[in-house]
Protein backbone atom coordinates (compact mmCIF):
# COMPACT_ATOMS: atom_id res chain seq x y z
CA MET A 1 -1.90 10.98 -5.33
CA ARG A 2 -0.91 8.25 -3.33
CA ILE A 3 -0.58 4.38 -3.46
CA LEU A 4 -3.16 3.08 -1.52
CA HIS A 5 -2.03 -0.96 -2.14
CA THR A 6 -0.24 -3.66 -4.18
CA MET A 7 -2.12 -6.62 -5.14
CA LEU A 8 -0.56 -9.79 -5.37
CA ARG A 9 -2.29 -13.45 -6.70
CA VAL A 10 -1.62 -15.99 -4.16
CA GLY A 11 -2.01 -20.12 -4.12
CA ASN A 12 -3.04 -20.13 -0.90
CA LEU A 13 -4.42 -17.05 0.89
CA GLN A 14 -3.91 -18.61 4.44
CA ARG A 15 -0.51 -19.18 4.22
CA SER A 16 0.16 -16.04 2.33
CA ILE A 17 -1.93 -14.43 5.45
CA ASP A 18 0.39 -16.38 8.20
CA PHE A 19 3.56 -14.84 6.02
CA TYR A 20 3.21 -11.74 6.35
CA THR A 21 1.60 -11.51 9.79
CA ASN A 22 3.39 -14.11 11.62
CA VAL A 23 7.13 -13.44 9.53
CA LEU A 24 6.51 -9.56 8.41
CA GLY A 25 5.06 -8.86 11.48
CA MET A 26 1.90 -7.16 9.46
CA LYS A 27 -1.64 -6.84 10.54
CA LEU A 28 -4.37 -8.54 8.81
CA LEU A 29 -6.44 -5.51 8.30
CA ARG A 30 -9.95 -6.84 6.33
CA THR A 31 -11.10 -9.59 4.51
CA SER A 32 -13.64 -9.96 1.62
CA GLU A 33 -15.53 -13.03 -0.29
CA ASN A 34 -16.89 -12.64 -3.64
CA PRO A 35 -18.98 -15.90 -4.20
CA GLU A 36 -20.20 -14.66 -7.48
CA TYR A 37 -17.15 -13.90 -8.94
CA LYS A 38 -14.72 -17.06 -6.97
CA TYR A 39 -12.10 -15.14 -5.36
CA THR A 40 -11.24 -13.70 -1.47
CA LEU A 41 -9.23 -10.96 -0.73
CA ALA A 42 -7.36 -10.24 2.10
CA PHE A 43 -5.58 -6.80 3.35
CA VAL A 44 -2.67 -6.49 5.44
CA GLY A 45 -0.26 -3.73 6.42
CA TYR A 46 1.62 -2.10 9.17
CA GLY A 47 -1.42 0.52 9.14
CA SER A 48 -4.59 1.39 7.28
CA ASN A 49 -5.03 3.87 4.23
CA PRO A 50 -5.20 6.39 3.92
CA ASP A 51 -2.21 6.81 6.18
CA HIS A 52 -0.42 3.65 5.50
CA ALA A 53 -0.42 1.72 1.64
CA GLU A 54 -1.49 -2.07 2.06
CA LEU A 55 -0.98 -4.98 0.17
CA GLU A 56 -3.81 -6.66 -1.10
CA LEU A 57 -3.51 -10.73 -1.17
CA THR A 58 -5.82 -12.02 -3.77
CA TYR A 59 -7.08 -15.71 -4.20
CA ASN A 60 -8.97 -16.53 -6.83
CA TRP A 61 -10.68 -19.64 -6.28
CA GLY A 62 -8.63 -23.60 -7.40
CA VAL A 63 -5.79 -21.71 -8.84
CA ASP A 64 -2.80 -22.29 -6.88
CA HIS A 65 -0.26 -21.16 -8.24
CA TYR A 66 1.08 -18.40 -10.94
CA GLU A 67 4.01 -17.68 -13.30
CA LEU A 68 5.54 -14.65 -11.86
CA GLY A 69 7.19 -13.45 -15.33
CA SER A 70 10.05 -11.27 -15.82
CA ALA A 71 8.24 -7.86 -15.49
CA TYR A 72 7.90 -8.20 -11.32
CA GLY A 73 10.70 -6.71 -9.30
CA HIS A 74 9.93 -6.44 -5.42
CA ILE A 75 7.80 -4.70 -2.73
CA ALA A 76 10.38 -3.28 -0.82
CA LEU A 77 10.24 -2.65 3.37
CA ALA A 78 12.09 -0.41 5.60
CA VAL A 79 13.55 -1.96 8.53
CA PRO A 80 15.89 -0.52 11.60
CA ASP A 81 18.44 -3.50 11.21
CA ALA A 82 18.64 -5.82 8.03
CA ALA A 83 20.52 -8.64 9.95
CA ALA A 84 18.05 -8.51 12.65
CA ALA A 85 15.31 -8.76 10.61
CA CYS A 86 17.04 -11.84 8.44
CA ALA A 87 17.59 -13.39 11.58
CA LYS A 88 13.96 -12.75 12.80
CA ILE A 89 12.66 -13.81 9.52
CA LYS A 90 14.48 -17.22 9.25
CA ALA A 91 13.53 -17.94 12.88
CA ALA A 92 9.42 -17.76 12.07
CA GLY A 93 10.19 -19.96 8.96
CA GLY A 94 10.63 -17.17 6.27
CA ASN A 95 13.15 -17.61 3.29
CA VAL A 96 15.64 -15.45 3.13
CA THR A 97 17.52 -15.29 -0.39
CA ARG A 98 20.01 -12.57 -0.05
CA GLU A 99 21.58 -11.79 3.57
CA ALA A 100 21.87 -8.19 4.58
CA GLY A 101 25.10 -6.30 3.26
CA PRO A 102 25.68 -3.36 0.92
CA VAL A 103 23.42 -2.98 -2.28
CA LYS A 104 26.44 -3.35 -4.99
CA GLY A 105 27.78 -0.15 -5.80
CA GLY A 106 26.46 1.39 -2.78
CA SER A 107 26.61 1.57 1.00
CA THR A 108 22.97 0.82 1.89
CA VAL A 109 22.48 -2.12 3.56
CA ILE A 110 19.75 -4.32 2.18
CA ALA A 111 18.59 -8.48 1.92
CA PHE A 112 15.68 -9.72 0.22
CA VAL A 113 13.21 -12.61 1.04
CA THR A 114 10.82 -14.48 -0.56
CA ASP A 115 7.30 -15.03 0.20
CA PRO A 116 5.37 -18.37 -0.39
CA ASP A 117 4.44 -17.50 -3.28
CA GLY A 118 7.60 -16.53 -4.73
CA TYR A 119 7.72 -12.77 -4.69
CA GLN A 120 10.88 -10.86 -3.71
CA ILE A 121 10.42 -8.51 -0.63
CA GLU A 122 13.41 -6.34 -0.48
CA LEU A 123 14.52 -5.35 3.25
CA ILE A 124 16.40 -1.89 2.95
CA GLN A 125 18.11 -0.71 6.45
CA ARG A 126 17.03 2.45 7.67
CA PRO A 127 17.60 3.15 11.41
CA GLN A 128 15.02 5.46 11.83
CA ALA A 129 12.41 2.64 10.62
CA ALA A 130 11.54 1.40 13.80
């Protein structure tokens, strides 16, 4: 078994595509529309299945926001340099909610950013992630 994708419901599909591609550097892999059930999907990622897990952005027509609830935690991305990633994300208009620094009680360098719908994304510094 392997993880194929994670799905997030988004309030504005183009805004989310722009964030994940322009701010986080993912590629738009494919889209599909289902008029009968009134939703549109966009898959983004750093590569396609089955070699890479993808992020499925689901836009249910006419729904512009969601309550995230208390169960959702975050998506984690490996980055070669968390501070440099934060600077690049801020320069692209992204929202850094925790600057790069060691995780509490440890030495791993992490940072957090928030996407346009409020989903948290953790950046974990791993020099081999380049």
